[in-house]
PDB file of N, CA and C in Angstrom:
ATOM      1  N   MET A   1       0.456  -1.176   0.066  1.00  0.00           N
ATOM      2  CA  MET A   1      -0.308  -0.268  -0.357  1.00  0.00           C
ATOM      3  C   MET A   1       0.805   1.167  -0.438  1.00  0.00           C
ATOM      4  N   GLU A   2       1.595   0.632   1.043  1.00  0.00           N
ATOM      5  CA  GLU A   2       3.009   2.498   0.507  1.00  0.00           C
ATOM      6  C   GLU A   2       3.275   2.466  -0.036  1.00  0.00           C
ATOM      7  N   ILE A   3       3.575   1.713  -1.456  1.00  0.00           N
ATOM      8  CA  ILE A   3       4.002   1.881  -2.694  1.00  0.00           C
ATOM      9  C   ILE A   3       2.988   2.745  -3.623  1.00  0.00           C
ATOM     10  N   LEU A   4       1.808   2.003  -3.292  1.00  0.00           N
ATOM     11  CA  LEU A   4       0.857   2.911  -4.579  1.00  0.00           C
ATOM     12  C   LEU A   4       1.059   4.755  -3.911  1.00  0.00           C
ATOM     13  N   ILE A   5       1.027   4.732  -2.333  1.00  0.00           N
ATOM     14  CA  ILE A   5       0.574   6.483  -2.651  1.00  0.00           C
ATOM     15  C   ILE A   5       1.574   6.623  -2.575  1.00  0.00           C
ATOM     16  N   THR A   6       3.063   6.286  -2.345  1.00  0.00           N
ATOM     17  CA  THR A   6       4.724   6.450  -2.763  1.00  0.00           C
ATOM     18  C   THR A   6       4.200   6.970  -4.892  1.00  0.00           C
ATOM     19  N   GLY A   7       4.269   6.589  -5.442  1.00  0.00           N
ATOM     20  CA  GLY A   7       4.020   6.602  -7.194  1.00  0.00           C
ATOM     21  C   GLY A   7       3.293   6.884  -7.569  1.00  0.00           C
ATOM     22  N   ALA A   8       1.947   7.492  -6.250  1.00  0.00           N
ATOM     23  CA  ALA A   8       1.157   8.741  -6.308  1.00  0.00           C
ATOM     24  C   ALA A   8       1.804   9.906  -6.580  1.00  0.00           C
ATOM     25  N   ILE A   9       2.248   9.892  -5.528  1.00  0.00           N
ATOM     26  CA  ILE A   9       3.282  11.171  -4.965  1.00  0.00           C
ATOM     27  C   ILE A   9       3.865  12.068  -5.585  1.00  0.00           C
ATOM     28  N   VAL A  10       4.906  10.833  -6.712  1.00  0.00           N
ATOM     29  CA  VAL A  10       5.439  10.453  -7.328  1.00  0.00           C
ATOM     30  C   VAL A  10       5.406  11.451  -9.336  1.00  0.00           C
ATOM     31  N   LEU A  11       3.961  10.656  -9.571  1.00  0.00           N
ATOM     32  CA  LEU A  11       3.204  11.158 -10.167  1.00  0.00           C
ATOM     33  C   LEU A  11       2.802  13.013 -10.819  1.00  0.00           C
ATOM     34  N   ILE A  12       2.596  12.837  -8.987  1.00  0.00           N
ATOM     35  CA  ILE A  12       1.858  14.209  -8.688  1.00  0.00           C
ATOM     36  C   ILE A  12       3.137  15.492  -8.487  1.00  0.00           C
ATOM     37  N   ALA A  13       4.320  14.654  -8.915  1.00  0.00           N
ATOM     38  CA  ALA A  13       4.517  15.442  -8.637  1.00  0.00           C
ATOM     39  C   ALA A  13       5.497  16.021  -9.433  1.00  0.00           C
ATOM     40  N   GLY A  14       5.580  15.229  -9.998  1.00  0.00           N
ATOM     41  CA  GLY A  14       6.708  14.826 -11.604  1.00  0.00           C
ATOM     42  C   GLY A  14       5.309  15.539 -12.884  1.00  0.00           C
ATOM     43  N   PHE A  15       4.100  16.016 -12.682  1.00  0.00           N
ATOM     44  CA  PHE A  15       3.345  16.162 -12.863  1.00  0.00           C
ATOM     45  C   PHE A  15       3.787  17.812 -13.223  1.00  0.00           C
ATOM     46  N   ILE A  16       3.567  18.420 -12.577  1.00  0.00           N
ATOM     47  CA  ILE A  16       3.276  19.609 -10.816  1.00  0.00           C
ATOM     48  C   ILE A  16       5.140  20.032 -12.126  1.00  0.00           C
ATOM     49  N   ILE A  17       6.344  19.567 -12.129  1.00  0.00           N
ATOM     50  CA  ILE A  17       7.453  19.826 -12.378  1.00  0.00           C
ATOM     51  C   ILE A  17       7.294  20.192 -13.943  1.00  0.00           C
ATOM     52  N   TYR A  18       6.866  18.999 -14.885  1.00  0.00           N
ATOM     53  CA  TYR A  18       6.640  19.067 -15.657  1.00  0.00           C
ATOM     54  C   TYR A  18       5.562  19.943 -16.939  1.00  0.00           C
ATOM     55  N   LYS A  19       4.893  20.615 -16.081  1.00  0.00           N
ATOM     56  CA  LYS A  19       3.966  21.752 -16.092  1.00  0.00           C
ATOM     57  C   LYS A  19       4.197  23.230 -15.870  1.00  0.00           C
ATOM     58  N   ASN A  20       5.900  23.140 -14.961  1.00  0.00           N
ATOM     59  CA  ASN A  20       6.298  24.332 -14.870  1.00  0.00           C
ATOM     60  C   ASN A  20       7.284  24.125 -15.480  1.00  0.00           C
ATOM     61  N   VAL A  21       8.267  23.436 -15.937  1.00  0.00           N
ATOM     62  CA  VAL A  21       9.285  23.332 -17.222  1.00  0.00           C
ATOM     63  C   VAL A  21       9.120  24.163 -18.526  1.00  0.00           C
ATOM     64  N   LYS A  22       7.144  23.105 -18.873  1.00  0.00           N
ATOM     65  CA  LYS A  22       6.900  23.593 -20.158  1.00  0.00           C
ATOM     66  C   LYS A  22       5.978  25.044 -20.378  1.00  0.00           C
ATOM     67  N   ASN A  23       6.153  26.014 -18.757  1.00  0.00           N
ATOM     68  CA  ASN A  23       5.423  27.235 -18.692  1.00  0.00           C
ATOM     69  C   ASN A  23       6.676  27.378 -19.015  1.00  0.00           C
ATOM     70  N   SER A  24       8.064  27.866 -18.270  1.00  0.00           N
ATOM     71  CA  SER A  24       9.178  28.697 -18.451  1.00  0.00           C
ATOM     72  C   SER A  24       9.206  28.414 -19.989  1.00  0.00           C
ATOM     73  N   SER A  25       9.913  27.643 -20.124  1.00  0.00           N
ATOM     74  CA  SER A  25      10.191  27.143 -21.631  1.00  0.00           C
ATOM     75  C   SER A  25       9.945  28.633 -22.995  1.00  0.00           C
ATOM     76  N   LYS A  26       8.270  28.234 -22.235  1.00  0.00           N
ATOM     77  CA  LYS A  26       7.105  29.049 -23.556  1.00  0.00           C
ATOM     78  C   LYS A  26       6.863  30.704 -23.924  1.00  0.00           C
ATOM     79  N   GLY A  27       7.858  30.472 -21.678  1.00  0.00           N
ATOM     80  CA  GLY A  27       8.135  32.103 -21.523  1.00  0.00           C
ATOM     81  C   GLY A  27       6.529  32.991 -20.213  1.00  0.00           C
ATOM     82  N   LYS A  28       5.907  31.329 -20.527  1.00  0.00           N
ATOM     83  CA  LYS A  28       4.555  31.582 -19.331  1.00  0.00           C
ATOM     84  C   LYS A  28       4.415  32.274 -17.731  1.00  0.00           C
ATOM     85  N   CYS A  29       4.182  32.268 -16.729  1.00  0.00           N
ATOM     86  CA  CYS A  29       4.362  32.314 -15.606  1.00  0.00           C
ATOM     87  C   CYS A  29       4.367  31.156 -14.683  1.00  0.00           C
ATOM     88  N   ASN A  30       5.075  30.763 -14.666  1.00  0.00           N
ATOM     89  CA  ASN A  30       5.019  28.749 -13.729  1.00  0.00           C
ATOM     90  C   ASN A  30       4.836  29.677 -12.395  1.00  0.00           C
ATOM     91  N   CYS A  31       4.373  30.381 -11.391  1.00  0.00           N
ATOM     92  CA  CYS A  31       4.747  30.746  -9.643  1.00  0.00           C
ATOM     93  C   CYS A  31       3.157  31.508  -9.322  1.00  0.00           C
ATOM     94  N   GLY A  32       2.753  30.300  -9.619  1.00  0.00           N
ATOM     95  CA  GLY A  32       1.920  30.123  -8.695  1.00  0.00           C
ATOM     96  C   GLY A  32       0.099  31.172  -9.353  1.00  0.00           C
ATOM     97  N   ASP A  33       0.536  32.557  -9.042  1.00  0.00           N
ATOM     98  CA  ASP A  33      -0.365  33.851  -8.296  1.00  0.00           C
ATOM     99  C   ASP A  33      -0.489  34.622 -10.403  1.00  0.00           C
ATOM    100  N   CYS A  34       0.997  34.194 -10.692  1.00  0.00           N
ATOM    101  CA  CYS A  34       1.429  34.961 -12.021  1.00  0.00           C
ATOM    102  C   CYS A  34       1.315  36.772 -11.722  1.00  0.00           C
ATOM    103  N   SER A  35       1.682  36.977 -10.019  1.00  0.00           N
ATOM    104  CA  SER A  35       1.531  38.550  -9.946  1.00  0.00           C
ATOM    105  C   SER A  35       2.912  38.668 -10.712  1.00  0.00           C
ATOM    106  N   LYS A  36       2.584  40.672 -10.518  1.00  0.00           N
ATOM    107  CA  LYS A  36       3.592  41.777 -11.288  1.00  0.00           C
ATOM    108  C   LYS A  36       5.034  40.930 -10.578  1.00  0.00           C
ATOM    109  N   ASN A  37       5.074  39.909  -8.900  1.00  0.00           N
ATOM    110  CA  ASN A  37       6.538  40.042  -8.176  1.00  0.00           C
ATOM    111  C   ASN A  37       7.369  38.552  -9.766  1.00  0.00           C
ATOM    112  N   CYS A  38       6.210  37.964 -10.172  1.00  0.00           N
ATOM    113  CA  CYS A  38       6.895  36.483 -10.864  1.00  0.00           C
ATOM    114  C   CYS A  38       8.322  37.338 -11.573  1.00  0.00           C
ATOM    115  N   PRO A  39       9.251  36.272 -11.443  1.00  0.00           N
ATOM    116  CA  PRO A  39      10.346  36.590 -12.517  1.00  0.00           C
ATOM    117  C   PRO A  39      10.352  37.188 -14.426  1.00  0.00           C
ATOM    118  N   SER A  40       9.770  36.383 -14.668  1.00  0.00           N
ATOM    119  CA  SER A  40       9.421  35.797 -15.922  1.00  0.00           C
ATOM    120  C   SER A  40       8.484  36.713 -16.574  1.00  0.00           C
ATOM    121  N   ARG A  41       8.247  37.860 -15.500  1.00  0.00           N
ATOM    122  CA  ARG A  41       6.720  39.468 -16.436  1.00  0.00           C
ATOM    123  C   ARG A  41       7.717  40.303 -16.527  1.00  0.00           C
ATOM    124  N   LYS A  42       9.681  39.741 -15.824  1.00  0.00           N
ATOM    125  CA  LYS A  42      10.240  41.257 -15.175  1.00  0.00           C
ATOM    126  C   LYS A  42      11.609  41.390 -16.566  1.00  0.00           C
TER     127      LYS A  42
END
């Protein structure tokens, strides 16, 4: 059971990291709130 939970956590983390890298490569904000404090907006 622990292996399934760990696997799910790893998959979710991998998806979030992939999404952030994908947004960064397109020049989009990946800070979560896309405020003016986002480094990609400067």
